Amino acid sequence: MNFSEALEKAKQGHKIMREGWNGKGQWVCYMPSVTISQDLVNGRTRKFHTSGDLHVGGYFVIMTAQKVWQPGWLASQGDMLAEDWCSETVE
């Protein structure tokens, strides 16, 4: 599938990945926006966000080949033009 189709799958809650990626086991997912109540904000984040609920915008995450959960993934130009995207349902 193309990148546009893969984005739609990601927004529906699927993992997306490219068949041509060198790193085996890599995939990307979309984390939709969420509001975290003040009492659930962890200490690491509270250091910077000191009061009130935390409003988090949607973002993409990549699970790297090294098994690192890396928020803030951005598609390269090659990724956006590729036709080898596939998806996997998450239960």
PDB file of N, CA and C in Angstrom:
ATOM      1  N   MET A   1       0.834  -1.177   0.000  1.00  0.00           N
ATOM      2  CA  MET A   1       0.000   0.000   0.000  1.00  0.00           C
ATOM      3  C   MET A   1       0.883   1.245   0.000  1.00  0.00           C
ATOM      4  N   ASN A   2       0.311   2.379  -0.335  1.00  0.00           N
ATOM      5  CA  ASN A   2       1.091   3.621  -0.334  1.00  0.00           C
ATOM      6  C   ASN A   2       1.028   4.284   1.050  1.00  0.00           C
ATOM      7  N   PHE A   3       1.760   5.369   1.209  1.00  0.00           N
ATOM      8  CA  PHE A   3       1.870   6.031   2.512  1.00  0.00           C
ATOM      9  C   PHE A   3       0.526   6.581   2.980  1.00  0.00           C
ATOM     10  N   SER A   4      -0.251   7.129   2.078  1.00  0.00           N
ATOM     11  CA  SER A   4      -1.556   7.670   2.440  1.00  0.00           C
ATOM     12  C   SER A   4      -2.452   6.578   3.023  1.00  0.00           C
ATOM     13  N   GLU A   5      -2.439   5.418   2.407  1.00  0.00           N
ATOM     14  CA  GLU A   5      -3.227   4.282   2.907  1.00  0.00           C
ATOM     15  C   GLU A   5      -2.686   3.806   4.256  1.00  0.00           C
ATOM     16  N   ALA A   6      -1.374   3.799   4.396  1.00  0.00           N
ATOM     17  CA  ALA A   6      -0.756   3.385   5.655  1.00  0.00           C
ATOM     18  C   ALA A   6      -1.125   4.349   6.784  1.00  0.00           C
ATOM     19  N   LEU A   7      -1.153   5.643   6.495  1.00  0.00           N
ATOM     20  CA  LEU A   7      -1.547   6.629   7.510  1.00  0.00           C
ATOM     21  C   LEU A   7      -2.965   6.373   8.004  1.00  0.00           C
ATOM     22  N   GLU A   8      -3.863   6.071   7.083  1.00  0.00           N
ATOM     23  CA  GLU A   8      -5.244   5.771   7.480  1.00  0.00           C
ATOM     24  C   GLU A   8      -5.286   4.547   8.392  1.00  0.00           C
ATOM     25  N   LYS A   9      -4.509   3.533   8.059  1.00  0.00           N
ATOM     26  CA  LYS A   9      -4.440   2.333   8.911  1.00  0.00           C
ATOM     27  C   LYS A   9      -3.905   2.698  10.302  1.00  0.00           C
ATOM     28  N   ALA A  10      -2.867   3.528  10.346  1.00  0.00           N
ATOM     29  CA  ALA A  10      -2.293   3.935  11.634  1.00  0.00           C
ATOM     30  C   ALA A  10      -3.337   4.676  12.474  1.00  0.00           C
ATOM     31  N   LYS A  11      -4.087   5.568  11.840  1.00  0.00           N
ATOM     32  CA  LYS A  11      -5.119   6.321  12.568  1.00  0.00           C
ATOM     33  C   LYS A  11      -6.239   5.418  13.061  1.00  0.00           C
ATOM     34  N   GLN A  12      -6.399   4.259  12.442  1.00  0.00           N
ATOM     35  CA  GLN A  12      -7.403   3.278  12.876  1.00  0.00           C
ATOM     36  C   GLN A  12      -6.861   2.354  13.975  1.00  0.00           C
ATOM     37  N   GLY A  13      -5.593   2.542  14.373  1.00  0.00           N
ATOM     38  CA  GLY A  13      -5.024   1.757  15.460  1.00  0.00           C
ATOM     39  C   GLY A  13      -4.150   0.600  15.037  1.00  0.00           C
ATOM     40  N   HIS A  14      -3.754   0.546  13.771  1.00  0.00           N
ATOM     41  CA  HIS A  14      -2.879  -0.527  13.290  1.00  0.00           C
ATOM     42  C   HIS A  14      -1.407  -0.124  13.421  1.00  0.00           C
ATOM     43  N   LYS A  15      -0.537  -1.104  13.519  1.00  0.00           N
ATOM     44  CA  LYS A  15       0.893  -0.887  13.338  1.00  0.00           C
ATOM     45  C   LYS A  15       1.130  -0.789  11.839  1.00  0.00           C
ATOM     46  N   ILE A  16       2.038   0.098  11.428  1.00  0.00           N
ATOM     47  CA  ILE A  16       2.403   0.161  10.014  1.00  0.00           C
ATOM     48  C   ILE A  16       3.912  -0.008   9.887  1.00  0.00           C
ATOM     49  N   MET A  17       4.320  -0.589   8.765  1.00  0.00           N
ATOM     50  CA  MET A  17       5.747  -0.829   8.533  1.00  0.00           C
ATOM     51  C   MET A  17       5.990  -0.952   7.043  1.00  0.00           C
ATOM     52  N   ARG A  18       7.260  -0.849   6.667  1.00  0.00           N
ATOM     53  CA  ARG A  18       7.637  -1.009   5.270  1.00  0.00           C
ATOM     54  C   ARG A  18       8.344  -2.330   5.077  1.00  0.00           C
ATOM     55  N   GLU A  19       8.023  -2.996   3.988  1.00  0.00           N
ATOM     56  CA  GLU A  19       8.712  -4.237   3.660  1.00  0.00           C
ATOM     57  C   GLU A  19      10.178  -3.981   3.353  1.00  0.00           C
ATOM     58  N   GLY A  20      10.516  -2.793   2.856  1.00  0.00           N
ATOM     59  CA  GLY A  20      11.878  -2.467   2.469  1.00  0.00           C
ATOM     60  C   GLY A  20      12.764  -1.928   3.581  1.00  0.00           C
ATOM     61  N   TRP A  21      12.245  -1.799   4.800  1.00  0.00           N
ATOM     62  CA  TRP A  21      13.080  -1.307   5.893  1.00  0.00           C
ATOM     63  C   TRP A  21      14.163  -2.324   6.226  1.00  0.00           C
ATOM     64  N   ASN A  22      15.367  -1.826   6.425  1.00  0.00           N
ATOM     65  CA  ASN A  22      16.488  -2.700   6.782  1.00  0.00           C
ATOM     66  C   ASN A  22      16.360  -3.256   8.187  1.00  0.00           C
ATOM     67  N   GLY A  23      15.879  -2.448   9.111  1.00  0.00           N
ATOM     68  CA  GLY A  23      15.741  -2.891  10.497  1.00  0.00           C
ATOM     69  C   GLY A  23      14.558  -3.827  10.648  1.00  0.00           C
ATOM     70  N   LYS A  24      14.827  -5.091  10.886  1.00  0.00           N
ATOM     71  CA  LYS A  24      13.748  -6.064  11.040  1.00  0.00           C
ATOM     72  C   LYS A  24      13.029  -5.826  12.367  1.00  0.00           C
ATOM     73  N   GLY A  25      11.734  -5.993  12.345  1.00  0.00           N
ATOM     74  CA  GLY A  25      10.938  -5.830  13.557  1.00  0.00           C
ATOM     75  C   GLY A  25      10.543  -4.390  13.849  1.00  0.00           C
ATOM     76  N   GLN A  26      10.885  -3.467  12.967  1.00  0.00           N
ATOM     77  CA  GLN A  26      10.499  -2.056  13.165  1.00  0.00           C
ATOM     78  C   GLN A  26       9.047  -1.867  12.749  1.00  0.00           C
ATOM     79  N   TRP A  27       8.359  -1.012  13.461  1.00  0.00           N
ATOM     80  CA  TRP A  27       7.010  -0.622  13.085  1.00  0.00           C
ATOM     81  C   TRP A  27       6.703   0.735  13.688  1.00  0.00           C
ATOM     82  N   VAL A  28       5.670   1.367  13.155  1.00  0.00           N
ATOM     83  CA  VAL A  28       5.247   2.695  13.587  1.00  0.00           C
ATOM     84  C   VAL A  28       3.788   2.604  14.023  1.00  0.00           C
ATOM     85  N   CYS A  29       3.425   3.382  15.031  1.00  0.00           N
ATOM     86  CA  CYS A  29       2.023   3.489  15.421  1.00  0.00           C
ATOM     87  C   CYS A  29       1.697   4.950  15.714  1.00  0.00           C
ATOM     88  N   TYR A  30       0.420   5.259  15.665  1.00  0.00           N
ATOM     89  CA  TYR A  30      -0.067   6.599  15.962  1.00  0.00           C
ATOM     90  C   TYR A  30      -0.650   6.603  17.362  1.00  0.00           C
ATOM     91  N   MET A  31      -0.191   7.519  18.178  1.00  0.00           N
ATOM     92  CA  MET A  31      -0.726   7.697  19.521  1.00  0.00           C
ATOM     93  C   MET A  31      -1.646   8.914  19.470  1.00  0.00           C
ATOM     94  N   PRO A  32      -2.966   8.707  19.564  1.00  0.00           N
ATOM     95  CA  PRO A  32      -3.888   9.835  19.455  1.00  0.00           C
ATOM     96  C   PRO A  32      -3.778  10.780  20.652  1.00  0.00           C
ATOM     97  N   SER A  33      -4.319  11.976  20.478  1.00  0.00           N
ATOM     98  CA  SER A  33      -4.271  12.961  21.552  1.00  0.00           C
ATOM     99  C   SER A  33      -4.989  12.434  22.790  1.00  0.00           C
ATOM    100  N   VAL A  34      -4.549  12.916  23.934  1.00  0.00           N
ATOM    101  CA  VAL A  34      -5.105  12.463  25.211  1.00  0.00           C
ATOM    102  C   VAL A  34      -4.931  13.585  26.240  1.00  0.00           C
ATOM    103  N   THR A  35      -5.816  13.627  27.205  1.00  0.00           N
ATOM    104  CA  THR A  35      -5.670  14.533  28.343  1.00  0.00           C
ATOM    105  C   THR A  35      -5.398  13.675  29.571  1.00  0.00           C
ATOM    106  N   ILE A  36      -4.311  13.973  30.251  1.00  0.00           N
ATOM    107  CA  ILE A  36      -3.919  13.235  31.458  1.00  0.00           C
ATOM    108  C   ILE A  36      -4.222  14.130  32.653  1.00  0.00           C
ATOM    109  N   SER A  37      -5.032  13.632  33.579  1.00  0.00           N
ATOM    110  CA  SER A  37      -5.383  14.441  34.743  1.00  0.00           C
ATOM    111  C   SER A  37      -4.149  14.722  35.581  1.00  0.00           C
ATOM    112  N   GLN A  38      -4.162  15.851  36.240  1.00  0.00           N
ATOM    113  CA  GLN A  38      -3.007  16.324  37.006  1.00  0.00           C
ATOM    114  C   GLN A  38      -2.474  15.263  37.970  1.00  0.00           C
ATOM    115  N   ASP A  39      -3.362  14.506  38.611  1.00  0.00           N
ATOM    116  CA  ASP A  39      -2.922  13.515  39.599  1.00  0.00           C
ATOM    117  C   ASP A  39      -2.276  12.276  38.962  1.00  0.00           C
ATOM    118  N   LEU A  40      -2.392  12.111  37.631  1.00  0.00           N
ATOM    119  CA  LEU A  40      -1.772  10.969  36.953  1.00  0.00           C
ATOM    120  C   LEU A  40      -0.496  11.332  36.190  1.00  0.00           C
ATOM    121  N   VAL A  41      -0.143  12.622  36.173  1.00  0.00           N
ATOM    122  CA  VAL A  41       1.085  13.047  35.497  1.00  0.00           C
ATOM    123  C   VAL A  41       2.267  12.539  36.308  1.00  0.00           C
ATOM    124  N   ASN A  42       3.183  11.813  35.662  1.00  0.00           N
ATOM    125  CA  ASN A  42       4.315  11.238  36.403  1.00  0.00           C
ATOM    126  C   ASN A  42       5.338  12.305  36.797  1.00  0.00           C
ATOM    127  N   GLY A  43       6.199  11.961  37.731  1.00  0.00           N
ATOM    128  CA  GLY A  43       7.181  12.905  38.263  1.00  0.00           C
ATOM    129  C   GLY A  43       8.129  13.456  37.224  1.00  0.00           C
ATOM    130  N   ARG A  44       8.508  12.642  36.268  1.00  0.00           N
ATOM    131  CA  ARG A  44       9.432  13.085  35.220  1.00  0.00           C
ATOM    132  C   ARG A  44       8.803  14.204  34.401  1.00  0.00           C
ATOM    133  N   THR A  45       7.513  14.080  34.079  1.00  0.00           N
ATOM    134  CA  THR A  45       6.817  15.101  33.308  1.00  0.00           C
ATOM    135  C   THR A  45       6.430  16.283  34.185  1.00  0.00           C
ATOM    136  N   ARG A  46       6.041  16.026  35.425  1.00  0.00           N
ATOM    137  CA  ARG A  46       5.615  17.085  36.347  1.00  0.00           C
ATOM    138  C   ARG A  46       6.726  18.110  36.570  1.00  0.00           C
ATOM    139  N   LYS A  47       7.965  17.693  36.414  1.00  0.00           N
ATOM    140  CA  LYS A  47       9.099  18.620  36.547  1.00  0.00           C
ATOM    141  C   LYS A  47       8.942  19.805  35.597  1.00  0.00           C
ATOM    142  N   PHE A  48       8.352  19.557  34.420  1.00  0.00           N
ATOM    143  CA  PHE A  48       8.192  20.593  33.409  1.00  0.00           C
ATOM    144  C   PHE A  48       6.770  21.132  33.338  1.00  0.00           C
ATOM    145  N   HIS A  49       5.798  20.312  33.659  1.00  0.00           N
ATOM    146  CA  HIS A  49       4.380  20.698  33.623  1.00  0.00           C
ATOM    147  C   HIS A  49       3.887  20.679  35.057  1.00  0.00           C
ATOM    148  N   THR A  50       3.897  21.815  35.707  1.00  0.00           N
ATOM    149  CA  THR A  50       3.738  21.871  37.161  1.00  0.00           C
ATOM    150  C   THR A  50       2.306  21.962  37.669  1.00  0.00           C
ATOM    151  N   SER A  51       1.340  22.295  36.820  1.00  0.00           N
ATOM    152  CA  SER A  51      -0.031  22.398  37.335  1.00  0.00           C
ATOM    153  C   SER A  51      -1.050  22.133  36.237  1.00  0.00           C
ATOM    154  N   GLY A  52      -2.187  21.638  36.654  1.00  0.00           N
ATOM    155  CA  GLY A  52      -3.298  21.403  35.736  1.00  0.00           C
ATOM    156  C   GLY A  52      -3.161  20.110  34.954  1.00  0.00           C
ATOM    157  N   ASP A  53      -4.243  19.802  34.236  1.00  0.00           N
ATOM    158  CA  ASP A  53      -4.237  18.613  33.389  1.00  0.00           C
ATOM    159  C   ASP A  53      -3.235  18.797  32.255  1.00  0.00           C
ATOM    160  N   LEU A  54      -2.715  17.699  31.751  1.00  0.00           N
ATOM    161  CA  LEU A  54      -1.739  17.727  30.659  1.00  0.00           C
ATOM    162  C   LEU A  54      -2.439  17.301  29.364  1.00  0.00           C
ATOM    163  N   HIS A  55      -2.457  18.195  28.400  1.00  0.00           N
ATOM    164  CA  HIS A  55      -3.066  17.910  27.106  1.00  0.00           C
ATOM    165  C   HIS A  55      -1.947  17.517  26.137  1.00  0.00           C
ATOM    166  N   VAL A  56      -1.974  16.284  25.680  1.00  0.00           N
ATOM    167  CA  VAL A  56      -0.939  15.743  24.797  1.00  0.00           C
ATOM    168  C   VAL A  56      -1.535  15.596  23.402  1.00  0.00           C
ATOM    169  N   GLY A  57      -0.901  16.213  22.413  1.00  0.00           N
ATOM    170  CA  GLY A  57      -1.353  16.082  21.029  1.00  0.00           C
ATOM    171  C   GLY A  57      -0.955  14.738  20.465  1.00  0.00           C
ATOM    172  N   GLY A  58      -1.593  14.341  19.384  1.00  0.00           N
ATOM    173  CA  GLY A  58      -1.274  13.081  18.731  1.00  0.00           C
ATOM    174  C   GLY A  58       0.138  13.087  18.162  1.00  0.00           C
ATOM    175  N   TYR A  59       0.753  11.911  18.113  1.00  0.00           N
ATOM    176  CA  TYR A  59       2.120  11.789  17.598  1.00  0.00           C
ATOM    177  C   TYR A  59       2.375  10.365  17.141  1.00  0.00           C
ATOM    178  N   PHE A  60       3.423  10.209  16.344  1.00  0.00           N
ATOM    179  CA  PHE A  60       3.828   8.889  15.872  1.00  0.00           C
ATOM    180  C   PHE A  60       5.001   8.377  16.698  1.00  0.00           C
ATOM    181  N   VAL A  61       5.040   7.084  16.890  1.00  0.00           N
ATOM    182  CA  VAL A  61       6.101   6.397  17.621  1.00  0.00           C
ATOM    183  C   VAL A  61       6.650   5.308  16.709  1.00  0.00           C
ATOM    184  N   ILE A  62       7.956   5.098  16.737  1.00  0.00           N
ATOM    185  CA  ILE A  62       8.542   3.949  16.051  1.00  0.00           C
ATOM    186  C   ILE A  62       9.116   3.003  17.099  1.00  0.00           C
ATOM    187  N   MET A  63       8.834   1.721  16.927  1.00  0.00           N
ATOM    188  CA  MET A  63       9.516   0.685  17.696  1.00  0.00           C
ATOM    189  C   MET A  63      10.710   0.305  16.840  1.00  0.00           C
ATOM    190  N   THR A  64      11.894   0.635  17.301  1.00  0.00           N
ATOM    191  CA  THR A  64      13.095   0.431  16.494  1.00  0.00           C
ATOM    192  C   THR A  64      13.515  -1.034  16.474  1.00  0.00           C
ATOM    193  N   ALA A  65      14.436  -1.343  15.597  1.00  0.00           N
ATOM    194  CA  ALA A  65      14.977  -2.702  15.511  1.00  0.00           C
ATOM    195  C   ALA A  65      15.692  -3.093  16.802  1.00  0.00           C
ATOM    196  N   GLN A  66      16.125  -2.086  17.574  1.00  0.00           N
ATOM    197  CA  GLN A  66      16.799  -2.338  18.857  1.00  0.00           C
ATOM    198  C   GLN A  66      15.796  -2.417  20.006  1.00  0.00           C
ATOM    199  N   LYS A  67      14.501  -2.421  19.678  1.00  0.00           N
ATOM    200  CA  LYS A  67      13.407  -2.496  20.654  1.00  0.00           C
ATOM    201  C   LYS A  67      13.354  -1.257  21.552  1.00  0.00           C
ATOM    202  N   VAL A  68      13.585  -0.097  20.950  1.00  0.00           N
ATOM    203  CA  VAL A  68      13.461   1.182  21.659  1.00  0.00           C
ATOM    204  C   VAL A  68      12.168   1.844  21.196  1.00  0.00           C
ATOM    205  N   TRP A  69      11.327   2.239  22.130  1.00  0.00           N
ATOM    206  CA  TRP A  69      10.078   2.961  21.860  1.00  0.00           C
ATOM    207  C   TRP A  69      10.457   4.425  21.693  1.00  0.00           C
ATOM    208  N   GLN A  70      10.479   4.915  20.447  1.00  0.00           N
ATOM    209  CA  GLN A  70      10.986   6.255  20.149  1.00  0.00           C
ATOM    210  C   GLN A  70       9.863   7.163  19.659  1.00  0.00           C
ATOM    211  N   PRO A  71       9.310   8.015  20.546  1.00  0.00           N
ATOM    212  CA  PRO A  71       8.279   8.968  20.124  1.00  0.00           C
ATOM    213  C   PRO A  71       8.841  10.010  19.162  1.00  0.00           C
ATOM    214  N   GLY A  72       7.963  10.554  18.349  1.00  0.00           N
ATOM    215  CA  GLY A  72       8.340  11.643  17.461  1.00  0.00           C
ATOM    216  C   GLY A  72       8.825  11.198  16.096  1.00  0.00           C
ATOM    217  N   TRP A  73       8.423  10.009  15.644  1.00  0.00           N
ATOM    218  CA  TRP A  73       8.857   9.528  14.334  1.00  0.00           C
ATOM    219  C   TRP A  73       8.335  10.439  13.235  1.00  0.00           C
ATOM    220  N   LEU A  74       9.175  10.700  12.257  1.00  0.00           N
ATOM    221  CA  LEU A  74       8.809  11.453  11.057  1.00  0.00           C
ATOM    222  C   LEU A  74       9.158  10.627   9.833  1.00  0.00           C
ATOM    223  N   ALA A  75       8.263  10.604   8.877  1.00  0.00           N
ATOM    224  CA  ALA A  75       8.512   9.869   7.636  1.00  0.00           C
ATOM    225  C   ALA A  75       9.533  10.609   6.784  1.00  0.00           C
ATOM    226  N   SER A  76      10.437   9.858   6.185  1.00  0.00           N
ATOM    227  CA  SER A  76      11.389  10.445   5.237  1.00  0.00           C
ATOM    228  C   SER A  76      10.682  10.642   3.899  1.00  0.00           C
ATOM    229  N   GLN A  77      11.328  11.341   3.000  1.00  0.00           N
ATOM    230  CA  GLN A  77      10.778  11.508   1.663  1.00  0.00           C
ATOM    231  C   GLN A  77      10.613  10.152   0.974  1.00  0.00           C
ATOM    232  N   GLY A  78      11.602   9.272   1.165  1.00  0.00           N
ATOM    233  CA  GLY A  78      11.516   7.924   0.605  1.00  0.00           C
ATOM    234  C   GLY A  78      10.336   7.151   1.170  1.00  0.00           C
ATOM    235  N   ASP A  79      10.094   7.291   2.483  1.00  0.00           N
ATOM    236  CA  ASP A  79       8.947   6.633   3.108  1.00  0.00           C
ATOM    237  C   ASP A  79       7.636   7.138   2.512  1.00  0.00           C
ATOM    238  N   MET A  80       7.530   8.450   2.319  1.00  0.00           N
ATOM    239  CA  MET A  80       6.284   9.031   1.809  1.00  0.00           C
ATOM    240  C   MET A  80       5.988   8.618   0.374  1.00  0.00           C
ATOM    241  N   LEU A  81       7.024   8.319  -0.400  1.00  0.00           N
ATOM    242  CA  LEU A  81       6.838   7.938  -1.799  1.00  0.00           C
ATOM    243  C   LEU A  81       6.791   6.431  -2.018  1.00  0.00           C
ATOM    244  N   ALA A  82       7.076   5.669  -0.986  1.00  0.00           N
ATOM    245  CA  ALA A  82       7.146   4.208  -1.102  1.00  0.00           C
ATOM    246  C   ALA A  82       5.769   3.580  -1.299  1.00  0.00           C
ATOM    247  N   GLU A  83       5.764   2.447  -1.951  1.00  0.00           N
ATOM    248  CA  GLU A  83       4.538   1.683  -2.202  1.00  0.00           C
ATOM    249  C   GLU A  83       4.571   0.328  -1.485  1.00  0.00           C
ATOM    250  N   ASP A  84       5.542   0.156  -0.560  1.00  0.00           N
ATOM    251  CA  ASP A  84       5.692  -1.147   0.102  1.00  0.00           C
ATOM    252  C   ASP A  84       5.244  -1.129   1.564  1.00  0.00           C
ATOM    253  N   TRP A  85       4.317  -0.243   1.890  1.00  0.00           N
ATOM    254  CA  TRP A  85       3.789  -0.190   3.247  1.00  0.00           C
ATOM    255  C   TRP A  85       2.846  -1.363   3.485  1.00  0.00           C
ATOM    256  N   CYS A  86       2.834  -1.861   4.708  1.00  0.00           N
ATOM    257  CA  CYS A  86       1.871  -2.873   5.110  1.00  0.00           C
ATOM    258  C   CYS A  86       1.435  -2.563   6.530  1.00  0.00           C
ATOM    259  N   SER A  87       0.440  -3.254   6.995  1.00  0.00           N
ATOM    260  CA  SER A  87      -0.070  -2.973   8.340  1.00  0.00           C
ATOM    261  C   SER A  87      -0.365  -4.270   9.067  1.00  0.00           C
ATOM    262  N   GLU A  88      -0.486  -4.122  10.377  1.00  0.00           N
ATOM    263  CA  GLU A  88      -0.783  -5.267  11.237  1.00  0.00           C
ATOM    264  C   GLU A  88      -1.808  -4.813  12.260  1.00  0.00           C
ATOM    265  N   THR A  89      -2.856  -5.591  12.432  1.00  0.00           N
ATOM    266  CA  THR A  89      -3.887  -5.276  13.398  1.00  0.00           C
ATOM    267  C   THR A  89      -3.354  -5.487  14.805  1.00  0.00           C
ATOM    268  N   VAL A  90      -3.729  -4.598  15.702  1.00  0.00           N
ATOM    269  CA  VAL A  90      -3.351  -4.708  17.109  1.00  0.00           C
ATOM    270  C   VAL A  90      -4.617  -5.040  17.898  1.00  0.00           C
ATOM    271  N   GLU A  91      -4.533  -6.044  18.702  1.00  0.00           N
ATOM    272  CA  GLU A  91      -5.708  -6.441  19.498  1.00  0.00           C
ATOM    273  C   GLU A  91      -5.621  -5.947  20.903  1.00  0.00           C
TER     274      GLU A  91
END
